[in-house]
Amino acid sequence: MTAALPALHEQLRQDGFAFAAAGTMRDLLDAASLPDWQDFAASWNDLAPDAYLASTGRHRRRRHAVFSADAQGVHREAHQPHYQSKTYNTLQGDIERWFEPIVADGPTLRRILDFCHRFFGALAPQVVRWHLEVHQFRIEARAEEAGEPTPEGVHRDGVDYVLVLLIDRANIESGTTTIHDADGHLLGSFTLTHPFDTALVDDARVFHGVTAVTPVDPSQPAHRDVLVVTLRAAARRST
């Protein structure tokens, strides 16, 4: 952890969100020492289509895994469905969605999850156990169809905190993250452009969305790859 931590914590406390540029996140993750980053990033080439988005979702591919975190560290849980109520996801809410499990469970993923546990845990010291869900997303853009990173629109995920870390973007433009208050007013915006650029979101306080991505060269493949980690309190200290 670096001197950037206090500023990021303060921004989250004050604004409900923060943008951590790639250089900052690389330092926070000690990325230079990660032995499997290239293989980790390459695993986005092996994601299955998101079958739950029907005709609007053929541009999205993903994998999913569930972890828990406590004083002993981060632990992978048995594979299970992803579930959101319609309160938070009007398109695919109130159903159990099963996705192919994440297989790239090596040092890079573990260091990112450890960072999430420590970083967000410091903001909520009363939480003794966290439920983490991890999503690999690839959003594809085509000449005839823009890619929709958040087809449900501006939303909350129904958790406590969210990390969105850019893995790769190829031949796309736009994909701007927007942050809003409960009344829909824009609080801020930024674009994840470089690998390791990261959005940190207090999901209980703000709403977020991402604008559609379109290909720069319509004749070539175009995609946006991100890792999303959500954290929800599973157990709190008794008072």
Protein backbone atom coordinates (compact mmCIF):
# COMPACT_ATOMS: atom_id res chain seq x y z
CA MET A 1 0.00 0.00 0.00
CA THR A 2 1.28 3.47 -0.87
CA ALA A 3 0.75 7.09 0.14
CA ALA A 4 -2.14 7.21 -2.33
CA LEU A 5 -4.34 5.22 0.06
CA PRO A 6 -5.36 8.04 2.42
CA ALA A 7 -6.42 10.22 -0.50
CA LEU A 8 -8.48 7.43 -2.08
CA HIS A 9 -10.12 6.60 1.25
CA GLU A 10 -10.93 10.27 1.82
CA GLN A 11 -12.40 10.66 -1.66
CA LEU A 12 -14.63 7.63 -1.14
CA ARG A 13 -15.79 8.96 2.23
CA GLN A 14 -16.45 12.41 0.78
CA ASP A 15 -17.78 11.68 -2.71
CA GLY A 16 -18.82 8.03 -2.69
CA PHE A 17 -16.42 7.15 -5.52
CA ALA A 18 -12.82 7.49 -6.64
CA PHE A 19 -10.77 7.00 -9.79
CA ALA A 20 -7.35 5.40 -9.35
CA ALA A 21 -5.10 5.86 -12.37
CA ALA A 22 -3.11 2.93 -13.68
CA GLY A 23 0.19 4.08 -12.13
CA THR A 24 -1.40 4.36 -8.71
CA MET A 25 -3.06 0.95 -8.92
CA ARG A 26 0.11 -0.68 -10.19
CA ASP A 27 1.89 0.62 -7.10
CA LEU A 28 -0.93 -0.45 -4.78
CA LEU A 29 -0.89 -3.96 -6.24
CA ASP A 30 2.91 -4.12 -6.64
CA ALA A 31 2.09 -5.10 -10.19
CA ALA A 32 5.71 -5.36 -11.27
CA SER A 33 6.02 -8.50 -9.17
CA LEU A 34 2.93 -10.26 -10.51
CA PRO A 35 4.12 -13.45 -12.25
CA ASP A 36 0.94 -14.22 -14.17
CA TRP A 37 -0.45 -10.89 -15.36
CA GLN A 38 -0.10 -11.75 -19.05
CA ASP A 39 -1.87 -15.09 -18.62
CA PHE A 40 -4.50 -13.43 -16.45
CA ALA A 41 -5.24 -10.80 -19.11
CA ALA A 42 -5.24 -13.46 -21.85
CA SER A 43 -7.94 -15.43 -20.00
CA TRP A 44 -10.47 -12.83 -21.24
CA ASN A 45 -10.09 -14.52 -24.64
CA ASP A 46 -11.89 -17.56 -23.21
CA LEU A 47 -15.15 -16.13 -21.88
CA ALA A 48 -18.57 -17.53 -22.76
CA PRO A 49 -21.42 -15.38 -24.14
CA ASP A 50 -23.83 -13.96 -21.58
CA ALA A 51 -26.94 -15.93 -22.55
CA TYR A 52 -29.22 -14.04 -20.18
CA LEU A 53 -29.23 -10.81 -22.18
CA ALA A 54 -31.29 -12.28 -25.04
CA SER A 55 -31.19 -10.23 -28.23
CA THR A 56 -29.53 -7.26 -26.52
CA GLY A 57 -26.64 -9.17 -24.99
CA ARG A 58 -24.70 -11.03 -27.61
CA HIS A 59 -21.95 -8.44 -27.27
CA ARG A 60 -21.15 -9.48 -23.67
CA ARG A 61 -18.99 -12.39 -22.49
CA ARG A 62 -18.24 -13.27 -18.87
CA ARG A 63 -17.09 -15.65 -16.13
CA HIS A 64 -17.97 -15.51 -12.44
CA ALA A 65 -16.75 -16.71 -9.04
CA VAL A 66 -17.65 -16.21 -5.37
CA PHE A 67 -15.21 -15.67 -2.51
CA SER A 68 -15.40 -14.80 1.16
CA ALA A 69 -12.96 -12.73 3.19
CA ASP A 70 -12.32 -12.59 6.95
CA ALA A 71 -9.44 -12.17 9.37
CA GLN A 72 -7.83 -15.33 7.97
CA GLY A 73 -7.81 -13.98 4.42
CA VAL A 74 -9.69 -14.52 1.16
CA HIS A 75 -11.23 -17.92 0.40
CA ARG A 76 -12.91 -19.23 -2.74
CA GLU A 77 -16.43 -20.58 -2.22
CA ALA A 78 -18.28 -23.30 -4.11
CA HIS A 79 -19.49 -22.23 -7.53
CA GLN A 80 -22.92 -20.64 -7.29
CA PRO A 81 -25.28 -18.41 -9.28
CA HIS A 82 -25.20 -14.64 -9.47
CA TYR A 83 -28.45 -13.14 -8.17
CA GLN A 84 -29.80 -9.59 -8.09
CA SER A 85 -33.31 -8.45 -7.32
CA LYS A 86 -35.26 -6.36 -9.83
CA THR A 87 -34.73 -3.44 -7.46
CA TYR A 88 -31.15 -3.31 -8.71
CA ASN A 89 -31.36 -4.99 -12.11
CA THR A 90 -34.55 -4.40 -14.04
CA LEU A 91 -33.36 -6.50 -17.01
CA GLN A 92 -32.18 -9.69 -15.30
CA GLY A 93 -33.37 -9.33 -11.72
CA ASP A 94 -35.09 -11.99 -9.59
CA ILE A 95 -33.45 -14.92 -11.40
CA GLU A 96 -30.44 -17.09 -10.63
CA ARG A 97 -27.87 -16.59 -13.36
CA TRP A 98 -25.25 -19.30 -13.77
CA PHE A 99 -22.02 -18.37 -15.56
CA GLU A 100 -18.93 -20.40 -16.34
CA PRO A 101 -16.51 -20.30 -13.39
CA ILE A 102 -13.38 -18.19 -13.39
CA VAL A 103 -10.32 -20.34 -14.03
CA ALA A 104 -7.62 -17.64 -13.84
CA ASP A 105 -7.41 -17.91 -10.04
CA GLY A 106 -3.72 -17.17 -9.63
CA PRO A 107 -1.48 -14.57 -7.97
CA THR A 108 -2.90 -11.59 -9.89
CA LEU A 109 -6.52 -12.26 -8.97
CA ARG A 110 -5.57 -13.08 -5.38
CA ARG A 111 -3.63 -9.84 -5.00
CA ILE A 112 -6.54 -7.81 -6.36
CA LEU A 113 -8.95 -9.53 -3.97
CA ASP A 114 -6.58 -9.01 -1.05
CA PHE A 115 -6.40 -5.31 -1.98
CA CYS A 116 -10.21 -5.10 -2.06
CA HIS A 117 -10.47 -6.78 1.34
CA ARG A 118 -7.95 -4.45 2.97
CA PHE A 119 -8.94 -1.25 1.16
CA PHE A 120 -12.71 -1.46 1.59
CA GLY A 121 -12.38 -3.22 4.93
CA ALA A 122 -10.62 -0.16 6.31
CA LEU A 123 -13.72 1.88 5.46
CA ALA A 124 -16.00 -0.56 7.32
CA PRO A 125 -14.02 -1.99 10.28
CA GLN A 126 -17.23 -3.30 11.86
CA VAL A 127 -17.51 -5.93 9.10
CA VAL A 128 -15.78 -9.18 10.07
CA ARG A 129 -16.73 -11.25 7.03
CA TRP A 130 -17.32 -10.18 3.44
CA HIS A 131 -19.10 -11.84 0.54
CA LEU A 132 -17.20 -11.12 -2.69
CA GLU A 133 -18.37 -11.74 -6.24
CA VAL A 134 -15.89 -11.57 -9.07
CA HIS A 135 -16.84 -11.03 -12.71
CA GLN A 136 -14.75 -11.12 -15.85
CA PHE A 137 -16.49 -9.05 -18.56
CA ARG A 138 -15.68 -8.61 -22.23
CA ILE A 139 -17.87 -6.11 -24.07
CA GLU A 140 -17.61 -6.42 -27.84
CA ALA A 141 -18.46 -3.65 -30.28
CA ARG A 142 -19.32 -4.11 -33.94
CA ALA A 143 -19.97 -1.81 -36.87
CA GLU A 144 -23.70 -2.48 -36.69
CA GLU A 145 -24.00 -2.80 -32.91
CA ALA A 146 -22.46 -0.76 -30.09
CA GLY A 147 -21.34 -2.64 -27.00
CA GLU A 148 -23.27 -1.91 -23.80
CA PRO A 149 -21.14 -2.33 -20.66
CA THR A 150 -24.19 -1.58 -18.48
CA PRO A 151 -27.30 -2.50 -20.51
CA GLU A 152 -29.42 -1.95 -17.40
CA GLY A 153 -28.43 1.73 -17.50
CA VAL A 154 -27.31 3.81 -14.53
CA HIS A 155 -27.73 1.54 -11.52
CA ARG A 156 -26.58 0.26 -8.16
CA ASP A 157 -25.44 -3.34 -7.71
CA GLY A 158 -27.08 -3.86 -4.32
CA VAL A 159 -23.77 -4.36 -2.50
CA ASP A 160 -21.52 -2.24 -0.29
CA TYR A 161 -18.53 -1.58 -2.53
CA VAL A 162 -17.47 -2.14 -6.13
CA LEU A 163 -14.07 -2.22 -7.83
CA VAL A 164 -13.84 -2.06 -11.63
CA LEU A 165 -10.34 -2.61 -13.00
CA LEU A 166 -9.54 -2.24 -16.70
CA ILE A 167 -7.72 -5.21 -18.21
CA ASP A 168 -7.66 -4.17 -21.86
CA ARG A 169 -9.43 -2.03 -24.43
CA ALA A 170 -8.84 -2.61 -28.13
CA ASN A 171 -10.12 -0.54 -31.07
CA ILE A 172 -12.91 1.14 -29.09
CA GLU A 173 -13.95 4.64 -28.21
CA SER A 174 -16.11 5.96 -25.38
CA GLY A 175 -16.89 3.63 -22.47
CA THR A 176 -17.07 6.52 -20.01
CA THR A 177 -17.96 5.72 -16.40
CA THR A 178 -20.55 8.10 -14.97
CA ILE A 179 -21.44 8.52 -11.30
CA HIS A 180 -24.83 9.84 -10.18
CA ASP A 181 -26.73 10.64 -7.00
CA ALA A 182 -30.11 9.16 -6.16
CA ASP A 183 -31.86 11.92 -8.13
CA GLY A 184 -29.86 11.15 -11.25
CA HIS A 185 -27.62 14.21 -11.07
CA LEU A 186 -24.15 13.64 -12.51
CA LEU A 187 -21.50 13.69 -9.78
CA GLY A 188 -18.49 12.83 -11.91
CA SER A 189 -17.19 10.92 -14.91
CA PHE A 190 -13.96 9.34 -16.12
CA THR A 191 -12.84 6.81 -18.73
CA LEU A 192 -10.85 3.69 -17.94
CA THR A 193 -8.23 3.92 -20.67
CA HIS A 194 -5.09 2.08 -19.56
CA PRO A 195 -4.72 -1.40 -18.04
CA PHE A 196 -5.02 -1.08 -14.22
CA ASP A 197 -7.14 2.12 -14.41
CA THR A 198 -9.70 1.52 -11.65
CA ALA A 199 -13.06 2.77 -10.43
CA LEU A 200 -13.79 2.44 -6.70
CA VAL A 201 -17.46 2.88 -5.79
CA ASP A 202 -19.47 3.09 -2.57
CA ASP A 203 -22.52 1.33 -3.99
CA ALA A 204 -24.74 2.20 -1.05
CA ARG A 205 -24.30 5.92 -1.74
CA VAL A 206 -24.04 6.44 -5.51
CA PHE A 207 -25.25 5.04 -8.82
CA HIS A 208 -22.94 4.23 -11.74
CA GLY A 209 -23.12 3.46 -15.44
CA VAL A 210 -20.87 3.17 -18.48
CA THR A 211 -21.57 4.65 -21.90
CA ALA A 212 -21.72 2.40 -24.97
CA VAL A 213 -18.50 1.53 -26.79
CA THR A 214 -18.12 1.67 -30.55
CA PRO A 215 -15.28 0.46 -32.80
CA VAL A 216 -12.71 2.97 -34.02
CA ASP A 217 -12.18 0.81 -37.11
CA PRO A 218 -15.47 -1.00 -37.86
CA SER A 219 -13.66 -3.61 -39.95
CA GLN A 220 -11.60 -4.85 -37.00
CA PRO A 221 -12.53 -6.63 -33.72
CA ALA A 222 -13.18 -4.26 -30.82
CA HIS A 223 -13.59 -4.98 -27.12
CA ARG A 224 -13.43 -3.66 -23.55
CA ASP A 225 -12.21 -6.08 -20.86
CA VAL A 226 -12.77 -5.38 -17.16
CA LEU A 227 -12.61 -7.20 -13.86
CA VAL A 228 -15.44 -6.32 -11.48
CA VAL A 229 -15.31 -7.20 -7.78
CA THR A 230 -18.29 -6.52 -5.51
CA LEU A 231 -18.22 -6.70 -1.72
CA ARG A 232 -21.18 -7.13 0.60
CA ALA A 233 -21.03 -7.44 4.38
CA ALA A 234 -21.74 -11.04 5.42
CA ALA A 235 -21.20 -10.60 9.16
CA ARG A 236 -20.65 -7.64 11.49
CA ARG A 237 -19.28 -7.32 15.01
CA SER A 238 -21.96 -7.55 17.63
CA THR A 239 -22.47 -4.41 19.71
